[in-house]
mmCIF file of all heavy atoms, coordinates in Angstrom:
data_MODEL
# 
_entry.id   MODEL 
# 
loop_
_atom_site.group_PDB 
_atom_site.id 
_atom_site.type_symbol 
_atom_site.label_atom_id 
_atom_site.label_alt_id 
_atom_site.label_comp_id 
_atom_site.label_asym_id 
_atom_site.label_entity_id 
_atom_site.label_seq_id 
_atom_site.pdbx_PDB_ins_code 
_atom_site.Cartn_x 
_atom_site.Cartn_y 
_atom_site.Cartn_z 
_atom_site.occupancy 
_atom_site.B_iso_or_equiv 
_atom_site.pdbx_formal_charge 
_atom_site.auth_seq_id 
_atom_site.auth_comp_id 
_atom_site.auth_asym_id 
_atom_site.auth_atom_id 
_atom_site.pdbx_PDB_model_num 
ATOM 1   N N   . ILE A 1 1  ? -3.899  93.574  -33.417 1.00 0.00 ? 1  ILE A N   1 
ATOM 2   C CA  . ILE A 1 1  ? -3.940  94.929  -33.975 1.00 0.00 ? 1  ILE A CA  1 
ATOM 3   C C   . ILE A 1 1  ? -3.567  95.919  -32.882 1.00 0.00 ? 1  ILE A C   1 
ATOM 4   O O   . ILE A 1 1  ? -4.115  95.866  -31.772 1.00 0.00 ? 1  ILE A O   1 
ATOM 5   C CB  . ILE A 1 1  ? -5.343  95.267  -34.520 1.00 0.00 ? 1  ILE A CB  1 
ATOM 6   C CG1 . ILE A 1 1  ? -5.898  94.109  -35.369 1.00 0.00 ? 1  ILE A CG1 1 
ATOM 7   C CG2 . ILE A 1 1  ? -5.299  96.567  -35.311 1.00 0.00 ? 1  ILE A CG2 1 
ATOM 8   C CD1 . ILE A 1 1  ? -5.077  93.743  -36.569 1.00 0.00 ? 1  ILE A CD1 1 
ATOM 9   N N   . VAL A 1 2  ? -2.661  96.830  -33.196 1.00 0.00 ? 2  VAL A N   1 
ATOM 10  C CA  . VAL A 1 2  ? -2.275  97.840  -32.208 1.00 0.00 ? 2  VAL A CA  1 
ATOM 11  C C   . VAL A 1 2  ? -2.701  99.248  -32.600 1.00 0.00 ? 2  VAL A C   1 
ATOM 12  O O   . VAL A 1 2  ? -2.754  100.137 -31.751 1.00 0.00 ? 2  VAL A O   1 
ATOM 13  C CB  . VAL A 1 2  ? -0.746  97.825  -31.930 1.00 0.00 ? 2  VAL A CB  1 
ATOM 14  C CG1 . VAL A 1 2  ? -0.331  96.478  -31.366 1.00 0.00 ? 2  VAL A CG1 1 
ATOM 15  C CG2 . VAL A 1 2  ? 0.049   98.161  -33.172 1.00 0.00 ? 2  VAL A CG2 1 
ATOM 16  N N   . ASP A 1 3  ? -3.010  99.481  -33.887 1.00 0.00 ? 3  ASP A N   1 
ATOM 17  C CA  . ASP A 1 3  ? -3.338  100.842 -34.305 1.00 0.00 ? 3  ASP A CA  1 
ATOM 18  C C   . ASP A 1 3  ? -4.121  100.799 -35.605 1.00 0.00 ? 3  ASP A C   1 
ATOM 19  O O   . ASP A 1 3  ? -4.142  99.784  -36.306 1.00 0.00 ? 3  ASP A O   1 
ATOM 20  C CB  . ASP A 1 3  ? -2.050  101.649 -34.498 1.00 0.00 ? 3  ASP A CB  1 
ATOM 21  C CG  . ASP A 1 3  ? -2.252  103.148 -34.371 1.00 0.00 ? 3  ASP A CG  1 
ATOM 22  O OD1 . ASP A 1 3  ? -3.407  103.591 -34.180 1.00 0.00 ? 3  ASP A OD1 1 
ATOM 23  O OD2 . ASP A 1 3  ? -1.251  103.890 -34.460 1.00 0.00 ? 3  ASP A OD2 1 
ATOM 24  N N   . ARG A 1 4  ? -4.778  101.918 -35.903 1.00 0.00 ? 4  ARG A N   1 
ATOM 25  C CA  . ARG A 1 4  ? -5.448  102.049 -37.197 1.00 0.00 ? 4  ARG A CA  1 
ATOM 26  C C   . ARG A 1 4  ? -5.181  103.436 -37.747 1.00 0.00 ? 4  ARG A C   1 
ATOM 27  O O   . ARG A 1 4  ? -4.912  104.379 -37.014 1.00 0.00 ? 4  ARG A O   1 
ATOM 28  C CB  . ARG A 1 4  ? -6.952  101.773 -37.075 1.00 0.00 ? 4  ARG A CB  1 
ATOM 29  C CG  . ARG A 1 4  ? -7.729  102.759 -36.240 1.00 0.00 ? 4  ARG A CG  1 
ATOM 30  C CD  . ARG A 1 4  ? -9.202  102.389 -36.166 1.00 0.00 ? 4  ARG A CD  1 
ATOM 31  N NE  . ARG A 1 4  ? -9.846  102.409 -37.469 1.00 0.00 ? 4  ARG A NE  1 
ATOM 32  C CZ  . ARG A 1 4  ? -11.060 102.906 -37.690 1.00 0.00 ? 4  ARG A CZ  1 
ATOM 33  N NH1 . ARG A 1 4  ? -11.752 103.418 -36.684 1.00 0.00 ? 4  ARG A NH1 1 
ATOM 34  N NH2 . ARG A 1 4  ? -11.581 102.880 -38.893 1.00 0.00 ? 4  ARG A NH2 1 
ATOM 35  N N   . GLN A 1 5  ? -5.250  103.537 -39.086 1.00 0.00 ? 5  GLN A N   1 
ATOM 36  C CA  . GLN A 1 5  ? -5.054  104.799 -39.791 1.00 0.00 ? 5  GLN A CA  1 
ATOM 37  C C   . GLN A 1 5  ? -3.695  105.429 -39.468 1.00 0.00 ? 5  GLN A C   1 
ATOM 38  O O   . GLN A 1 5  ? -3.592  106.544 -38.973 1.00 0.00 ? 5  GLN A O   1 
ATOM 39  C CB  . GLN A 1 5  ? -6.191  105.768 -39.471 1.00 0.00 ? 5  GLN A CB  1 
ATOM 40  C CG  . GLN A 1 5  ? -7.559  105.295 -39.917 1.00 0.00 ? 5  GLN A CG  1 
ATOM 41  C CD  . GLN A 1 5  ? -7.646  105.092 -41.428 1.00 0.00 ? 5  GLN A CD  1 
ATOM 42  O OE1 . GLN A 1 5  ? -7.306  105.988 -42.202 1.00 0.00 ? 5  GLN A OE1 1 
ATOM 43  N NE2 . GLN A 1 5  ? -8.096  103.921 -41.861 1.00 0.00 ? 5  GLN A NE2 1 
ATOM 44  N N   . VAL A 1 6  ? -2.631  104.684 -39.775 1.00 0.00 ? 6  VAL A N   1 
ATOM 45  C CA  . VAL A 1 6  ? -1.272  105.166 -39.572 1.00 0.00 ? 6  VAL A CA  1 
ATOM 46  C C   . VAL A 1 6  ? -0.770  105.787 -40.869 1.00 0.00 ? 6  VAL A C   1 
ATOM 47  O O   . VAL A 1 6  ? -0.807  105.154 -41.925 1.00 0.00 ? 6  VAL A O   1 
ATOM 48  C CB  . VAL A 1 6  ? -0.333  104.026 -39.135 1.00 0.00 ? 6  VAL A CB  1 
ATOM 49  C CG1 . VAL A 1 6  ? 1.098   104.525 -39.014 1.00 0.00 ? 6  VAL A CG1 1 
ATOM 50  C CG2 . VAL A 1 6  ? -0.805  103.439 -37.814 1.00 0.00 ? 6  VAL A CG2 1 
ATOM 51  N N   . VAL A 1 7  ? -0.307  107.023 -40.809 1.00 0.00 ? 7  VAL A N   1 
ATOM 52  C CA  . VAL A 1 7  ? 0.139   107.743 -41.996 1.00 0.00 ? 7  VAL A CA  1 
ATOM 53  C C   . VAL A 1 7  ? 1.410   107.112 -42.551 1.00 0.00 ? 7  VAL A C   1 
ATOM 54  O O   . VAL A 1 7  ? 2.352   106.818 -41.813 1.00 0.00 ? 7  VAL A O   1 
ATOM 55  C CB  . VAL A 1 7  ? 0.394   109.230 -41.672 1.00 0.00 ? 7  VAL A CB  1 
ATOM 56  C CG1 . VAL A 1 7  ? 0.946   109.964 -42.893 1.00 0.00 ? 7  VAL A CG1 1 
ATOM 57  C CG2 . VAL A 1 7  ? -0.894  109.895 -41.199 1.00 0.00 ? 7  VAL A CG2 1 
ATOM 58  N N   . ALA A 1 8  ? 1.408   106.897 -43.870 1.00 0.00 ? 8  ALA A N   1 
ATOM 59  C CA  . ALA A 1 8  ? 2.580   106.348 -44.559 1.00 0.00 ? 8  ALA A CA  1 
ATOM 60  C C   . ALA A 1 8  ? 3.118   107.378 -45.544 1.00 0.00 ? 8  ALA A C   1 
ATOM 61  O O   . ALA A 1 8  ? 3.359   107.086 -46.712 1.00 0.00 ? 8  ALA A O   1 
ATOM 62  C CB  . ALA A 1 8  ? 2.209   105.057 -45.273 1.00 0.00 ? 8  ALA A CB  1 
ATOM 63  N N   . GLY A 1 9  ? 3.269   108.615 -45.081 1.00 0.00 ? 9  GLY A N   1 
ATOM 64  C CA  . GLY A 1 9  ? 3.762   109.675 -45.953 1.00 0.00 ? 9  GLY A CA  1 
ATOM 65  C C   . GLY A 1 9  ? 2.802   109.937 -47.104 1.00 0.00 ? 9  GLY A C   1 
ATOM 66  O O   . GLY A 1 9  ? 1.586   109.865 -46.955 1.00 0.00 ? 9  GLY A O   1 
ATOM 67  N N   . LYS A 1 10 ? 3.355   110.221 -48.272 1.00 0.00 ? 10 LYS A N   1 
ATOM 68  C CA  . LYS A 1 10 ? 2.537   110.502 -49.454 1.00 0.00 ? 10 LYS A CA  1 
ATOM 69  C C   . LYS A 1 10 ? 1.825   109.264 -49.969 1.00 0.00 ? 10 LYS A C   1 
ATOM 70  O O   . LYS A 1 10 ? 0.916   109.369 -50.799 1.00 0.00 ? 10 LYS A O   1 
ATOM 71  C CB  . LYS A 1 10 ? 3.405   111.107 -50.552 1.00 0.00 ? 10 LYS A CB  1 
ATOM 72  C CG  . LYS A 1 10 ? 3.985   112.479 -50.197 1.00 0.00 ? 10 LYS A CG  1 
ATOM 73  C CD  . LYS A 1 10 ? 4.821   113.028 -51.346 1.00 0.00 ? 10 LYS A CD  1 
ATOM 74  C CE  . LYS A 1 10 ? 5.387   114.404 -50.993 1.00 0.00 ? 10 LYS A CE  1 
ATOM 75  N NZ  . LYS A 1 10 ? 6.228   114.946 -52.096 1.00 0.00 ? 10 LYS A NZ  1 
ATOM 76  N N   . ALA A 1 11 ? 2.233   108.084 -49.480 1.00 0.00 ? 11 ALA A N   1 
ATOM 77  C CA  . ALA A 1 11 ? 1.620   106.835 -49.955 1.00 0.00 ? 11 ALA A CA  1 
ATOM 78  C C   . ALA A 1 11 ? 0.212   106.649 -49.411 1.00 0.00 ? 11 ALA A C   1 
ATOM 79  O O   . ALA A 1 11 ? -0.551  105.833 -49.917 1.00 0.00 ? 11 ALA A O   1 
ATOM 80  C CB  . ALA A 1 11 ? 2.479   105.643 -49.555 1.00 0.00 ? 11 ALA A CB  1 
ATOM 81  N N   . GLY A 1 12 ? -0.162  107.417 -48.379 1.00 0.00 ? 12 GLY A N   1 
ATOM 82  C CA  . GLY A 1 12 ? -1.505  107.283 -47.804 1.00 0.00 ? 12 GLY A CA  1 
ATOM 83  C C   . GLY A 1 12 ? -1.445  106.826 -46.359 1.00 0.00 ? 12 GLY A C   1 
ATOM 84  O O   . GLY A 1 12 ? -0.541  107.199 -45.617 1.00 0.00 ? 12 GLY A O   1 
ATOM 85  N N   . ARG A 1 13 ? -2.399  105.995 -45.978 1.00 0.00 ? 13 ARG A N   1 
ATOM 86  C CA  . ARG A 1 13 ? -2.488  105.503 -44.603 1.00 0.00 ? 13 ARG A CA  1 
ATOM 87  C C   . ARG A 1 13 ? -2.675  103.992 -44.594 1.00 0.00 ? 13 ARG A C   1 
ATOM 88  O O   . ARG A 1 13 ? -3.423  103.458 -45.406 1.00 0.00 ? 13 ARG A O   1 
ATOM 89  C CB  . ARG A 1 13 ? -3.691  106.138 -43.874 1.00 0.00 ? 13 ARG A CB  1 
ATOM 90  C CG  . ARG A 1 13 ? -3.579  107.630 -43.658 1.00 0.00 ? 13 ARG A CG  1 
ATOM 91  C CD  . ARG A 1 13 ? -4.885  108.170 -43.074 1.00 0.00 ? 13 ARG A CD  1 
ATOM 92  N NE  . ARG A 1 13 ? -4.825  109.612 -42.842 1.00 0.00 ? 13 ARG A NE  1 
ATOM 93  C CZ  . ARG A 1 13 ? -4.485  110.169 -41.681 1.00 0.00 ? 13 ARG A CZ  1 
ATOM 94  N NH1 . ARG A 1 13 ? -4.200  109.399 -40.654 1.00 0.00 ? 13 ARG A NH1 1 
ATOM 95  N NH2 . ARG A 1 13 ? -4.433  111.476 -41.538 1.00 0.00 ? 13 ARG A NH2 1 
ATOM 96  N N   . PHE A 1 14 ? -1.990  103.341 -43.676 1.00 0.00 ? 14 PHE A N   1 
ATOM 97  C CA  . PHE A 1 14 ? -2.265  101.927 -43.438 1.00 0.00 ? 14 PHE A CA  1 
ATOM 98  C C   . PHE A 1 14 ? -3.588  101.833 -42.688 1.00 0.00 ? 14 PHE A C   1 
ATOM 99  O O   . PHE A 1 14 ? -3.797  102.531 -41.692 1.00 0.00 ? 14 PHE A O   1 
ATOM 100 C CB  . PHE A 1 14 ? -1.168  101.291 -42.587 1.00 0.00 ? 14 PHE A CB  1 
ATOM 101 C CG  . PHE A 1 14 ? 0.229   101.522 -43.089 1.00 0.00 ? 14 PHE A CG  1 
ATOM 102 C CD1 . PHE A 1 14 ? 1.178   102.119 -42.290 1.00 0.00 ? 14 PHE A CD1 1 
ATOM 103 C CD2 . PHE A 1 14 ? 0.589   101.129 -44.360 1.00 0.00 ? 14 PHE A CD2 1 
ATOM 104 C CE1 . PHE A 1 14 ? 2.476   102.334 -42.729 1.00 0.00 ? 14 PHE A CE1 1 
ATOM 105 C CE2 . PHE A 1 14 ? 1.884   101.339 -44.821 1.00 0.00 ? 14 PHE A CE2 1 
ATOM 106 C CZ  . PHE A 1 14 ? 2.822   101.943 -44.007 1.00 0.00 ? 14 PHE A CZ  1 
ATOM 107 N N   . ASP A 1 15 ? -4.486  100.968 -43.138 1.00 0.00 ? 15 ASP A N   1 
ATOM 108 C CA  . ASP A 1 15 ? -5.763  100.829 -42.431 1.00 0.00 ? 15 ASP A CA  1 
ATOM 109 C C   . ASP A 1 15 ? -5.539  100.358 -41.000 1.00 0.00 ? 15 ASP A C   1 
ATOM 110 O O   . ASP A 1 15 ? -6.112  100.897 -40.056 1.00 0.00 ? 15 ASP A O   1 
ATOM 111 C CB  . ASP A 1 15 ? -6.678  99.846  -43.171 1.00 0.00 ? 15 ASP A CB  1 
ATOM 112 C CG  . ASP A 1 15 ? -7.233  100.441 -44.462 1.00 0.00 ? 15 ASP A CG  1 
ATOM 113 O OD1 . ASP A 1 15 ? -7.357  101.678 -44.530 1.00 0.00 ? 15 ASP A OD1 1 
ATOM 114 O OD2 . ASP A 1 15 ? -7.535  99.671  -45.379 1.00 0.00 ? 15 ASP A OD2 1 
ATOM 115 N N   . LEU A 1 16 ? -4.715  99.323  -40.851 1.00 0.00 ? 16 LEU A N   1 
ATOM 116 C CA  . LEU A 1 16 ? -4.445  98.754  -39.523 1.00 0.00 ? 16 LEU A CA  1 
ATOM 117 C C   . LEU A 1 16 ? -2.968  98.399  -39.424 1.00 0.00 ? 16 LEU A C   1 
ATOM 118 O O   . LEU A 1 16 ? -2.328  98.077  -40.434 1.00 0.00 ? 16 LEU A O   1 
ATOM 119 C CB  . LEU A 1 16 ? -5.274  97.485  -39.291 1.00 0.00 ? 16 LEU A CB  1 
ATOM 120 C CG  . LEU A 1 16 ? -6.801  97.613  -39.396 1.00 0.00 ? 16 LEU A CG  1 
ATOM 121 C CD1 . LEU A 1 16 ? -7.446  96.228  -39.410 1.00 0.00 ? 16 LEU A CD1 1 
ATOM 122 C CD2 . LEU A 1 16 ? -7.355  98.447  -38.254 1.00 0.00 ? 16 LEU A CD2 1 
ATOM 123 N N   . THR A 1 17 ? -2.446  98.459  -38.209 1.00 0.00 ? 17 THR A N   1 
ATOM 124 C CA  . THR A 1 17 ? -1.071  98.057  -37.945 1.00 0.00 ? 17 THR A CA  1 
ATOM 125 C C   . THR A 1 17 ? -1.086  97.080  -36.770 1.00 0.00 ? 17 THR A C   1 
ATOM 126 O O   . THR A 1 17 ? -1.842  97.269  -35.818 1.00 0.00 ? 17 THR A O   1 
ATOM 127 C CB  . THR A 1 17 ? -0.194  99.269  -37.583 1.00 0.00 ? 17 THR A CB  1 
ATOM 128 O OG1 . THR A 1 17 ? -0.285  100.232 -38.634 1.00 0.00 ? 17 THR A OG1 1 
ATOM 129 C CG2 . THR A 1 17 ? 1.252   98.859  -37.397 1.00 0.00 ? 17 THR A CG2 1 
ATOM 130 N N   . GLY A 1 18 ? -0.279  96.041  -36.858 1.00 0.00 ? 18 GLY A N   1 
ATOM 131 C CA  . GLY A 1 18 ? -0.248  95.065  -35.781 1.00 0.00 ? 18 GLY A CA  1 
ATOM 132 C C   . GLY A 1 18 ? 0.970   94.168  -35.890 1.00 0.00 ? 18 GLY A C   1 
ATOM 133 O O   . GLY A 1 18 ? 2.015   94.575  -36.389 1.00 0.00 ? 18 GLY A O   1 
ATOM 134 N N   . PHE A 1 19 ? 0.818   92.927  -35.453 1.00 0.00 ? 19 PHE A N   1 
ATOM 135 C CA  . PHE A 1 19 ? 1.930   91.983  -35.508 1.00 0.00 ? 19 PHE A CA  1 
ATOM 136 C C   . PHE A 1 19 ? 1.381   90.561  -35.551 1.00 0.00 ? 19 PHE A C   1 
ATOM 137 O O   . PHE A 1 19 ? 0.214   90.308  -35.254 1.00 0.00 ? 19 PHE A O   1 
ATOM 138 C CB  . PHE A 1 19 ? 2.872   92.162  -34.311 1.00 0.00 ? 19 PHE A CB  1 
ATOM 139 C CG  . PHE A 1 19 ? 2.232   91.950  -32.969 1.00 0.00 ? 19 PHE A CG  1 
ATOM 140 C CD1 . PHE A 1 19 ? 2.262   90.709  -32.342 1.00 0.00 ? 19 PHE A CD1 1 
ATOM 141 C CD2 . PHE A 1 19 ? 1.599   92.995  -32.311 1.00 0.00 ? 19 PHE A CD2 1 
ATOM 142 C CE1 . PHE A 1 19 ? 1.676   90.510  -31.099 1.00 0.00 ? 19 PHE A CE1 1 
ATOM 143 C CE2 . PHE A 1 19 ? 1.011   92.817  -31.071 1.00 0.00 ? 19 PHE A CE2 1 
ATOM 144 C CZ  . PHE A 1 19 ? 1.046   91.572  -30.463 1.00 0.00 ? 19 PHE A CZ  1 
ATOM 145 N N   . TYR A 1 20 ? 2.258   89.648  -35.945 1.00 0.00 ? 20 TYR A N   1 
ATOM 146 C CA  . TYR A 1 20 ? 1.929   88.228  -36.081 1.00 0.00 ? 20 TYR A CA  1 
ATOM 147 C C   . TYR A 1 20 ? 2.665   87.445  -35.003 1.00 0.00 ? 20 TYR A C   1 
ATOM 148 O O   . TYR A 1 20 ? 3.882   87.517  -34.882 1.00 0.00 ? 20 TYR A O   1 
ATOM 149 C CB  . TYR A 1 20 ? 2.352   87.746  -37.467 1.00 0.00 ? 20 TYR A CB  1 
ATOM 150 C CG  . TYR A 1 20 ? 2.253   86.261  -37.710 1.00 0.00 ? 20 TYR A CG  1 
ATOM 151 C CD1 . TYR A 1 20 ? 1.077   85.564  -37.449 1.00 0.00 ? 20 TYR A CD1 1 
ATOM 152 C CD2 . TYR A 1 20 ? 3.340   85.557  -38.245 1.00 0.00 ? 20 TYR A CD2 1 
ATOM 153 C CE1 . TYR A 1 20 ? 0.987   84.189  -37.686 1.00 0.00 ? 20 TYR A CE1 1 
ATOM 154 C CE2 . TYR A 1 20 ? 3.256   84.193  -38.499 1.00 0.00 ? 20 TYR A CE2 1 
ATOM 155 C CZ  . TYR A 1 20 ? 2.082   83.515  -38.212 1.00 0.00 ? 20 TYR A CZ  1 
ATOM 156 O OH  . TYR A 1 20 ? 2.000   82.167  -38.465 1.00 0.00 ? 20 TYR A OH  1 
ATOM 157 N N   . TRP A 1 21 ? 1.879   86.708  -34.189 1.00 0.00 ? 21 TRP A N   1 
ATOM 158 C CA  . TRP A 1 21 ? 2.443   85.891  -33.107 1.00 0.00 ? 21 TRP A CA  1 
ATOM 159 C C   . TRP A 1 21 ? 1.918   84.470  -33.296 1.00 0.00 ? 21 TRP A C   1 
ATOM 160 O O   . TRP A 1 21 ? 0.855   84.115  -32.789 1.00 0.00 ? 21 TRP A O   1 
ATOM 161 C CB  . TRP A 1 21 ? 2.035   86.461  -31.752 1.00 0.00 ? 21 TRP A CB  1 
ATOM 162 C CG  . TRP A 1 21 ? 2.765   85.885  -30.582 1.00 0.00 ? 21 TRP A CG  1 
ATOM 163 C CD1 . TRP A 1 21 ? 4.033   85.382  -30.554 1.00 0.00 ? 21 TRP A CD1 1 
ATOM 164 C CD2 . TRP A 1 21 ? 2.270   85.764  -29.239 1.00 0.00 ? 21 TRP A CD2 1 
ATOM 165 N NE1 . TRP A 1 21 ? 4.365   84.962  -29.286 1.00 0.00 ? 21 TRP A NE1 1 
ATOM 166 C CE2 . TRP A 1 21 ? 3.306   85.193  -28.456 1.00 0.00 ? 21 TRP A CE2 1 
ATOM 167 C CE3 . TRP A 1 21 ? 1.059   86.098  -28.628 1.00 0.00 ? 21 TRP A CE3 1 
ATOM 168 C CZ2 . TRP A 1 21 ? 3.149   84.928  -27.099 1.00 0.00 ? 21 TRP A CZ2 1 
ATOM 169 C CZ3 . TRP A 1 21 ? 0.915   85.844  -27.274 1.00 0.00 ? 21 TRP A CZ3 1 
ATOM 170 C CH2 . TRP A 1 21 ? 1.943   85.270  -26.521 1.00 0.00 ? 21 TRP A CH2 1 
ATOM 171 N N   . PRO A 1 22 ? 2.649   83.630  -34.048 1.00 0.00 ? 22 PRO A N   1 
ATOM 172 C CA  . PRO A 1 22 ? 2.143   82.285  -34.362 1.00 0.00 ? 22 PRO A CA  1 
ATOM 173 C C   . PRO A 1 22 ? 1.976   81.421  -33.122 1.00 0.00 ? 22 PRO A C   1 
ATOM 174 O O   . PRO A 1 22 ? 2.738   81.536  -32.153 1.00 0.00 ? 22 PRO A O   1 
ATOM 175 C CB  . PRO A 1 22 ? 3.209   81.716  -35.304 1.00 0.00 ? 22 PRO A CB  1 
ATOM 176 C CG  . PRO A 1 22 ? 4.434   82.514  -35.037 1.00 0.00 ? 22 PRO A CG  1 
ATOM 177 C CD  . PRO A 1 22 ? 3.973   83.874  -34.636 1.00 0.00 ? 22 PRO A CD  1 
ATOM 178 N N   . ARG A 1 23 ? 0.976   80.550  -33.139 1.00 0.00 ? 23 ARG A N   1 
ATOM 179 C CA  . ARG A 1 23 ? 0.691   79.689  -31.988 1.00 0.00 ? 23 ARG A CA  1 
ATOM 180 C C   . ARG A 1 23 ? 1.781   78.638  -31.799 1.00 0.00 ? 23 ARG A C   1 
ATOM 181 O O   . ARG A 1 23 ? 2.110   78.286  -30.676 1.00 0.00 ? 23 ARG A O   1 
ATOM 182 C CB  . ARG A 1 23 ? -0.665  79.006  -32.181 1.00 0.00 ? 23 ARG A CB  1 
ATOM 183 C CG  . ARG A 1 23 ? -1.846  79.959  -32.134 1.00 0.00 ? 23 ARG A CG  1 
ATOM 184 C CD  . ARG A 1 23 ? -3.147  79.228  -32.366 1.00 0.00 ? 23 ARG A CD  1 
ATOM 185 N NE  . ARG A 1 23 ? -3.400  78.232  -31.322 1.00 0.00 ? 23 ARG A NE  1 
ATOM 186 C CZ  . ARG A 1 23 ? -4.393  77.353  -31.356 1.00 0.00 ? 23 ARG A CZ  1 
ATOM 187 N NH1 . ARG A 1 23 ? -5.208  77.326  -32.395 1.00 0.00 ? 23 ARG A NH1 1 
ATOM 188 N NH2 . ARG A 1 23 ? -4.573  76.503  -30.365 1.00 0.00 ? 23 ARG A NH2 1 
ATOM 189 N N   . ALA A 1 24 ? 2.328   78.140  -32.916 1.00 0.00 ? 24 ALA A N   1 
ATOM 190 C CA  . ALA A 1 24 ? 3.368   77.103  -32.817 1.00 0.00 ? 24 ALA A CA  1 
ATOM 191 C C   . ALA A 1 24 ? 4.620   77.693  -32.171 1.00 0.00 ? 24 ALA A C   1 
ATOM 192 O O   . ALA A 1 24 ? 5.201   78.660  -32.670 1.00 0.00 ? 24 ALA A O   1 
ATOM 193 C CB  . ALA A 1 24 ? 3.691   76.565  -34.211 1.00 0.00 ? 24 ALA A CB  1 
# 
């Protein structure tokens, strides 16, 4: 997770923003 409560314009806010780094 890199951030929380990111504004998505009129659509609202993303609760959390991050990325996926698979172990394989």
